[in-house]
């Protein structure tokens, strides 16, 4: 469920834009804290995987089925990280590898992974997904 005044996903021009997804289960954060301080890169990677699963659930809810998704086109992963943390790409791989396992053609997508000083609810990752629709 959205944490603000927005919708989880919007289809436009043959694309599905999925709003910022967080690592929550049953409406509660599974992880909180900064990667590289309170959390390890492996924790961040698992958090990114869970956020991606939540993004896929939002896509399915918006479309009625994931059958209309041709492929992931873009993934943006924000990582709440310690100032000296530099393994943002390894954290983002948790989401990218999930997409690769689920979609034909290896789920190839463009990606941006970047650090953030804070994210909603103190969570370690937030990601945005854009899917190409069939």
N, C-alpha and C. Protein backbone atom coordinates (compact mmCIF):
# COMPACT_ATOMS: atom_id res chain seq x y z
N UNK A 1 0.84 -1.18 0.00
CA UNK A 1 0.00 0.00 0.00
C UNK A 1 0.88 1.24 0.00
N UNK A 2 0.50 2.25 -0.77
CA UNK A 2 1.28 3.49 -0.82
C UNK A 2 1.40 4.16 0.55
N UNK A 3 2.53 4.80 0.77
CA UNK A 3 2.75 5.55 2.01
C UNK A 3 2.39 7.01 1.87
N UNK A 4 1.79 7.39 0.74
CA UNK A 4 1.45 8.79 0.51
C UNK A 4 0.35 8.90 -0.53
N UNK A 5 0.24 10.08 -1.10
CA UNK A 5 -0.83 10.40 -2.05
C UNK A 5 -0.40 10.06 -3.48
N UNK A 6 -0.28 8.79 -3.79
CA UNK A 6 0.10 8.33 -5.13
C UNK A 6 -0.45 6.93 -5.32
N UNK A 7 -0.37 6.43 -6.54
CA UNK A 7 -0.81 5.07 -6.83
C UNK A 7 0.42 4.18 -7.04
N UNK A 8 0.29 2.88 -6.78
CA UNK A 8 1.45 2.00 -6.88
C UNK A 8 1.98 1.82 -8.30
N UNK A 9 1.12 1.92 -9.32
CA UNK A 9 1.58 1.70 -10.69
C UNK A 9 0.66 2.42 -11.67
N UNK A 10 1.25 2.90 -12.77
CA UNK A 10 0.51 3.60 -13.82
C UNK A 10 1.01 3.10 -15.17
N UNK A 11 0.06 2.71 -16.02
CA UNK A 11 0.39 2.32 -17.39
C UNK A 11 0.22 3.53 -18.30
N UNK A 12 1.21 3.75 -19.17
CA UNK A 12 1.15 4.87 -20.12
C UNK A 12 2.08 4.57 -21.28
N UNK A 13 1.58 4.75 -22.50
CA UNK A 13 2.42 4.63 -23.69
C UNK A 13 3.14 3.31 -23.83
N UNK A 14 2.51 2.21 -23.48
CA UNK A 14 3.14 0.91 -23.64
C UNK A 14 4.11 0.55 -22.53
N UNK A 15 4.14 1.35 -21.48
CA UNK A 15 5.02 1.09 -20.34
C UNK A 15 4.19 1.05 -19.06
N UNK A 16 4.69 0.34 -18.07
CA UNK A 16 4.10 0.36 -16.74
C UNK A 16 5.15 0.93 -15.79
N UNK A 17 4.81 2.03 -15.14
CA UNK A 17 5.68 2.69 -14.18
C UNK A 17 5.26 2.26 -12.77
N UNK A 18 6.15 1.60 -12.06
CA UNK A 18 5.85 1.14 -10.71
C UNK A 18 6.53 2.09 -9.73
N UNK A 19 5.73 2.63 -8.82
CA UNK A 19 6.21 3.59 -7.83
C UNK A 19 7.26 2.97 -6.92
N UNK A 20 7.87 3.79 -6.09
CA UNK A 20 8.90 3.34 -5.17
C UNK A 20 8.44 2.19 -4.31
N UNK A 21 9.15 1.08 -4.38
CA UNK A 21 8.82 -0.12 -3.62
C UNK A 21 9.84 -0.31 -2.51
N UNK A 22 9.34 -0.75 -1.37
CA UNK A 22 10.16 -0.90 -0.17
C UNK A 22 10.21 -2.37 0.26
N UNK A 23 11.18 -2.73 1.09
CA UNK A 23 11.27 -4.11 1.58
C UNK A 23 10.34 -4.33 2.77
N UNK A 24 9.06 -4.45 2.47
CA UNK A 24 8.06 -4.67 3.51
C UNK A 24 7.37 -6.02 3.29
N UNK A 25 6.90 -6.59 4.38
CA UNK A 25 6.12 -7.82 4.33
C UNK A 25 4.97 -7.63 5.31
N UNK A 26 3.76 -7.88 4.84
CA UNK A 26 2.57 -7.70 5.66
C UNK A 26 2.48 -6.28 6.21
N UNK A 27 2.91 -5.31 5.40
CA UNK A 27 2.82 -3.91 5.77
C UNK A 27 3.87 -3.42 6.75
N UNK A 28 4.84 -4.25 7.07
CA UNK A 28 5.88 -3.87 8.04
C UNK A 28 7.27 -3.99 7.42
N UNK A 29 8.18 -3.07 7.78
CA UNK A 29 9.55 -3.18 7.28
C UNK A 29 10.21 -4.47 7.75
N UNK A 30 10.90 -5.14 6.84
CA UNK A 30 11.67 -6.32 7.21
C UNK A 30 13.05 -5.91 7.68
N UNK A 31 13.61 -4.87 7.09
CA UNK A 31 14.91 -4.32 7.48
C UNK A 31 14.77 -2.81 7.65
N UNK A 32 15.52 -2.27 8.59
CA UNK A 32 15.69 -0.82 8.70
C UNK A 32 17.17 -0.58 8.99
N UNK A 33 17.63 0.60 8.64
CA UNK A 33 19.01 0.96 8.90
C UNK A 33 19.81 1.19 7.63
N UNK A 34 21.05 1.60 7.84
CA UNK A 34 21.95 1.91 6.73
C UNK A 34 22.80 0.69 6.37
N UNK A 35 22.92 0.47 5.06
CA UNK A 35 23.81 -0.58 4.59
C UNK A 35 25.25 -0.08 4.80
N UNK A 36 26.06 -0.92 5.38
CA UNK A 36 27.44 -0.54 5.69
C UNK A 36 27.59 -0.05 7.12
N UNK A 37 26.48 0.07 7.84
CA UNK A 37 26.53 0.45 9.25
C UNK A 37 25.78 -0.62 10.05
N UNK A 38 24.45 -0.50 10.10
CA UNK A 38 23.64 -1.48 10.82
C UNK A 38 23.40 -2.76 10.01
N UNK A 39 23.48 -2.65 8.70
CA UNK A 39 23.20 -3.78 7.82
C UNK A 39 24.38 -4.08 6.92
N UNK A 40 24.49 -5.34 6.53
CA UNK A 40 25.55 -5.75 5.60
C UNK A 40 25.06 -5.56 4.16
N UNK A 41 25.99 -5.64 3.23
CA UNK A 41 25.61 -5.59 1.82
C UNK A 41 24.69 -6.75 1.47
N UNK A 42 24.91 -7.92 2.10
CA UNK A 42 24.03 -9.08 1.86
C UNK A 42 22.61 -8.79 2.36
N UNK A 43 22.48 -8.11 3.49
CA UNK A 43 21.15 -7.70 3.97
C UNK A 43 20.50 -6.77 2.95
N UNK A 44 21.26 -5.81 2.47
CA UNK A 44 20.74 -4.87 1.47
C UNK A 44 20.31 -5.57 0.20
N UNK A 45 21.07 -6.56 -0.21
CA UNK A 45 20.75 -7.34 -1.41
C UNK A 45 19.41 -8.06 -1.23
N UNK A 46 19.19 -8.67 -0.06
CA UNK A 46 17.93 -9.34 0.23
C UNK A 46 16.78 -8.34 0.31
N UNK A 47 17.05 -7.16 0.86
CA UNK A 47 16.04 -6.11 0.92
C UNK A 47 15.64 -5.67 -0.49
N UNK A 48 16.62 -5.55 -1.38
CA UNK A 48 16.32 -5.18 -2.77
C UNK A 48 15.50 -6.26 -3.45
N UNK A 49 15.78 -7.51 -3.18
CA UNK A 49 15.01 -8.62 -3.75
C UNK A 49 13.56 -8.55 -3.29
N UNK A 50 13.35 -8.34 -1.99
CA UNK A 50 11.99 -8.25 -1.47
C UNK A 50 11.26 -7.03 -2.05
N UNK A 51 11.93 -5.91 -2.17
CA UNK A 51 11.31 -4.72 -2.77
C UNK A 51 10.91 -5.00 -4.21
N UNK A 52 11.74 -5.75 -4.94
CA UNK A 52 11.41 -6.11 -6.33
C UNK A 52 10.20 -7.03 -6.37
N UNK A 53 10.11 -7.97 -5.45
CA UNK A 53 8.92 -8.83 -5.37
C UNK A 53 7.67 -7.98 -5.13
N UNK A 54 7.79 -6.99 -4.26
CA UNK A 54 6.66 -6.09 -4.02
C UNK A 54 6.32 -5.29 -5.27
N UNK A 55 7.32 -4.91 -6.04
CA UNK A 55 7.08 -4.22 -7.31
C UNK A 55 6.35 -5.10 -8.31
N UNK A 56 6.73 -6.36 -8.37
CA UNK A 56 6.04 -7.30 -9.26
C UNK A 56 4.60 -7.50 -8.81
N UNK A 57 4.37 -7.53 -7.51
CA UNK A 57 3.00 -7.65 -6.99
C UNK A 57 2.17 -6.42 -7.37
N UNK A 58 2.78 -5.24 -7.30
CA UNK A 58 2.08 -4.01 -7.69
C UNK A 58 1.76 -4.03 -9.18
N UNK A 59 2.70 -4.53 -9.98
CA UNK A 59 2.47 -4.64 -11.43
C UNK A 59 1.32 -5.60 -11.71
N UNK A 60 1.33 -6.74 -11.05
CA UNK A 60 0.26 -7.71 -11.25
C UNK A 60 -1.09 -7.13 -10.83
N UNK A 61 -1.14 -6.40 -9.73
CA UNK A 61 -2.39 -5.80 -9.28
C UNK A 61 -2.89 -4.77 -10.29
N UNK A 62 -1.98 -4.00 -10.87
CA UNK A 62 -2.37 -2.96 -11.84
C UNK A 62 -2.85 -3.56 -13.16
N UNK A 63 -2.23 -4.66 -13.56
CA UNK A 63 -2.51 -5.25 -14.87
C UNK A 63 -3.47 -6.44 -14.82
N UNK A 64 -3.69 -6.98 -13.65
CA UNK A 64 -4.51 -8.17 -13.52
C UNK A 64 -3.71 -9.46 -13.68
N UNK A 65 -2.55 -9.37 -14.28
CA UNK A 65 -1.67 -10.51 -14.53
C UNK A 65 -0.34 -9.96 -15.02
N UNK A 66 0.71 -10.73 -14.81
CA UNK A 66 2.02 -10.33 -15.35
C UNK A 66 2.19 -10.78 -16.79
N UNK A 67 1.19 -11.43 -17.36
CA UNK A 67 1.27 -11.89 -18.75
C UNK A 67 1.45 -10.74 -19.73
N UNK A 68 1.01 -9.55 -19.38
CA UNK A 68 1.16 -8.39 -20.28
C UNK A 68 2.55 -7.77 -20.23
N UNK A 69 3.37 -8.18 -19.28
CA UNK A 69 4.72 -7.62 -19.15
C UNK A 69 5.63 -8.33 -20.14
N UNK A 70 6.17 -7.57 -21.09
CA UNK A 70 7.12 -8.13 -22.05
C UNK A 70 8.49 -8.31 -21.40
N UNK A 71 8.92 -7.27 -20.71
CA UNK A 71 10.23 -7.33 -20.05
C UNK A 71 10.40 -6.14 -19.13
N UNK A 72 11.30 -6.25 -18.15
CA UNK A 72 11.67 -5.07 -17.38
C UNK A 72 12.52 -4.17 -18.28
N UNK A 73 12.26 -2.88 -18.23
CA UNK A 73 13.02 -1.94 -19.06
C UNK A 73 14.02 -1.13 -18.23
N UNK A 74 13.62 -0.76 -17.02
CA UNK A 74 14.49 0.10 -16.20
C UNK A 74 14.27 -0.21 -14.73
N UNK A 75 15.33 -0.21 -13.98
CA UNK A 75 15.29 -0.41 -12.54
C UNK A 75 16.15 0.67 -11.90
N UNK A 76 15.59 1.37 -10.94
CA UNK A 76 16.35 2.35 -10.16
C UNK A 76 16.33 1.90 -8.72
N UNK A 77 17.49 1.78 -8.11
CA UNK A 77 17.60 1.31 -6.73
C UNK A 77 18.33 2.37 -5.90
N UNK A 78 17.62 2.87 -4.91
CA UNK A 78 18.19 3.81 -3.94
C UNK A 78 18.60 3.00 -2.71
N UNK A 79 19.81 3.21 -2.23
CA UNK A 79 20.34 2.47 -1.10
C UNK A 79 20.69 3.45 0.01
N UNK A 80 20.07 3.30 1.19
CA UNK A 80 20.48 4.09 2.35
C UNK A 80 21.78 3.48 2.82
N UNK A 81 22.85 4.23 2.73
CA UNK A 81 24.16 3.64 2.98
C UNK A 81 25.04 4.57 3.81
N UNK A 82 26.01 3.94 4.46
CA UNK A 82 27.04 4.70 5.16
C UNK A 82 27.79 5.55 4.15
N UNK A 83 28.37 6.64 4.62
CA UNK A 83 29.04 7.59 3.73
C UNK A 83 30.17 6.93 2.94
N UNK A 84 30.83 5.94 3.52
CA UNK A 84 31.96 5.31 2.83
C UNK A 84 31.57 4.02 2.12
N UNK A 85 30.30 3.70 2.05
CA UNK A 85 29.83 2.48 1.37
C UNK A 85 29.91 2.69 -0.14
N UNK A 86 30.42 1.69 -0.86
CA UNK A 86 30.58 1.84 -2.32
C UNK A 86 30.01 0.66 -3.11
N UNK A 87 29.38 -0.30 -2.45
CA UNK A 87 28.89 -1.50 -3.14
C UNK A 87 27.40 -1.42 -3.47
N UNK A 88 26.96 -0.24 -3.91
CA UNK A 88 25.55 -0.06 -4.27
C UNK A 88 25.11 -1.04 -5.36
N UNK A 89 25.97 -1.28 -6.32
CA UNK A 89 25.63 -2.19 -7.41
C UNK A 89 25.39 -3.60 -6.90
N UNK A 90 26.16 -4.05 -5.92
CA UNK A 90 25.98 -5.39 -5.36
C UNK A 90 24.63 -5.49 -4.64
N UNK A 91 24.21 -4.44 -3.98
CA UNK A 91 22.89 -4.41 -3.34
C UNK A 91 21.80 -4.49 -4.41
N UNK A 92 21.92 -3.67 -5.44
CA UNK A 92 20.92 -3.64 -6.51
C UNK A 92 20.82 -4.98 -7.23
N UNK A 93 21.91 -5.76 -7.24
CA UNK A 93 21.88 -7.07 -7.89
C UNK A 93 20.81 -7.99 -7.30
N UNK A 94 20.42 -7.78 -6.05
CA UNK A 94 19.36 -8.58 -5.47
C UNK A 94 18.07 -8.48 -6.26
N UNK A 95 17.75 -7.28 -6.74
CA UNK A 95 16.56 -7.07 -7.57
C UNK A 95 16.82 -7.51 -9.01
N UNK A 96 17.97 -7.15 -9.55
CA UNK A 96 18.28 -7.49 -10.95
C UNK A 96 18.32 -8.99 -11.18
N UNK A 97 18.90 -9.73 -10.25
CA UNK A 97 18.99 -11.17 -10.42
C UNK A 97 17.62 -11.84 -10.31
N UNK A 98 16.74 -11.29 -9.49
CA UNK A 98 15.37 -11.80 -9.44
C UNK A 98 14.68 -11.62 -10.79
N UNK A 99 14.80 -10.43 -11.36
CA UNK A 99 14.18 -10.17 -12.67
C UNK A 99 14.77 -11.09 -13.74
N UNK A 100 16.08 -11.31 -13.68
CA UNK A 100 16.73 -12.20 -14.65
C UNK A 100 16.20 -13.62 -14.55
N UNK A 101 15.88 -14.05 -13.34
CA UNK A 101 15.38 -15.41 -13.14
C UNK A 101 13.94 -15.57 -13.60
N UNK A 102 13.18 -14.48 -13.61
CA UNK A 102 11.75 -14.57 -13.89
C UNK A 102 11.36 -14.27 -15.33
N UNK A 103 12.19 -13.54 -16.06
CA UNK A 103 11.81 -13.11 -17.40
C UNK A 103 12.68 -13.76 -18.46
N UNK A 104 12.04 -14.04 -19.61
CA UNK A 104 12.79 -14.54 -20.75
C UNK A 104 13.83 -13.49 -21.12
N UNK A 105 14.80 -13.84 -21.87
CA UNK A 105 15.92 -13.00 -22.28
C UNK A 105 16.77 -12.55 -21.10
N UNK A 106 16.63 -13.24 -19.96
CA UNK A 106 17.44 -12.90 -18.79
C UNK A 106 17.02 -11.63 -18.10
N UNK A 107 15.86 -11.09 -18.45
CA UNK A 107 15.36 -9.91 -17.76
C UNK A 107 16.22 -8.69 -17.92
N UNK A 108 16.99 -8.63 -19.01
CA UNK A 108 17.90 -7.50 -19.22
C UNK A 108 17.19 -6.16 -19.10
N UNK A 109 17.77 -5.25 -18.36
CA UNK A 109 17.16 -3.95 -18.14
C UNK A 109 18.25 -2.91 -17.88
N UNK A 110 17.91 -1.67 -18.16
CA UNK A 110 18.79 -0.56 -17.79
C UNK A 110 18.65 -0.36 -16.28
N UNK A 111 19.71 0.14 -15.64
CA UNK A 111 19.67 0.24 -14.18
C UNK A 111 20.47 1.42 -13.67
N UNK A 112 20.00 1.99 -12.59
CA UNK A 112 20.71 3.02 -11.85
C UNK A 112 20.69 2.61 -10.40
N UNK A 113 21.84 2.54 -9.76
CA UNK A 113 21.96 2.26 -8.33
C UNK A 113 22.68 3.44 -7.70
N UNK A 114 22.08 4.00 -6.65
CA UNK A 114 22.69 5.17 -6.03
C UNK A 114 22.43 5.19 -4.54
N UNK A 115 23.26 5.95 -3.84
CA UNK A 115 23.14 6.08 -2.40
C UNK A 115 22.19 7.19 -2.00
N UNK A 116 21.60 7.02 -0.82
CA UNK A 116 20.68 8.01 -0.26
C UNK A 116 21.01 8.20 1.21
N UNK A 117 20.78 9.40 1.72
CA UNK A 117 21.04 9.63 3.14
C UNK A 117 19.91 9.08 4.00
N UNK A 118 18.70 9.01 3.47
CA UNK A 118 17.59 8.40 4.19
C UNK A 118 16.50 8.03 3.20
N UNK A 119 15.67 7.07 3.60
CA UNK A 119 14.53 6.62 2.81
C UNK A 119 13.33 6.46 3.74
N UNK A 120 12.13 6.36 3.20
CA UNK A 120 10.93 6.25 4.03
C UNK A 120 11.03 5.14 5.08
N UNK A 121 10.60 5.44 6.28
CA UNK A 121 10.57 4.46 7.35
C UNK A 121 11.93 3.95 7.79
N UNK A 122 13.01 4.62 7.38
CA UNK A 122 14.34 4.17 7.75
C UNK A 122 14.77 2.90 7.03
N UNK A 123 14.08 2.58 5.94
CA UNK A 123 14.39 1.33 5.23
C UNK A 123 15.66 1.48 4.39
N UNK A 124 16.34 0.35 4.14
CA UNK A 124 17.64 0.41 3.46
C UNK A 124 17.59 0.57 1.96
N UNK A 125 16.47 0.21 1.31
CA UNK A 125 16.37 0.35 -0.13
C UNK A 125 14.97 0.80 -0.53
N UNK A 126 14.90 1.47 -1.65
CA UNK A 126 13.65 1.77 -2.32
C UNK A 126 13.93 1.67 -3.80
N UNK A 127 13.06 0.99 -4.52
CA UNK A 127 13.32 0.88 -5.95
C UNK A 127 12.10 1.24 -6.78
N UNK A 128 12.40 1.67 -8.00
CA UNK A 128 11.39 2.03 -8.99
C UNK A 128 11.61 1.11 -10.18
N UNK A 129 10.51 0.65 -10.77
CA UNK A 129 10.60 -0.27 -11.90
C UNK A 129 9.76 0.26 -13.06
N UNK A 130 10.28 0.08 -14.27
CA UNK A 130 9.52 0.40 -15.49
C UNK A 130 9.53 -0.85 -16.35
N UNK A 131 8.33 -1.28 -16.74
CA UNK A 131 8.18 -2.48 -17.56
C UNK A 131 7.66 -2.11 -18.93
N UNK A 132 8.16 -2.80 -19.95
CA UNK A 132 7.58 -2.71 -21.29
C UNK A 132 6.42 -3.68 -21.37
N UNK A 133 5.30 -3.21 -21.89
CA UNK A 133 4.10 -4.03 -21.98
C UNK A 133 3.92 -4.60 -23.38
N UNK A 134 3.32 -5.76 -23.45
CA UNK A 134 3.04 -6.41 -24.74
C UNK A 134 1.75 -5.84 -25.31
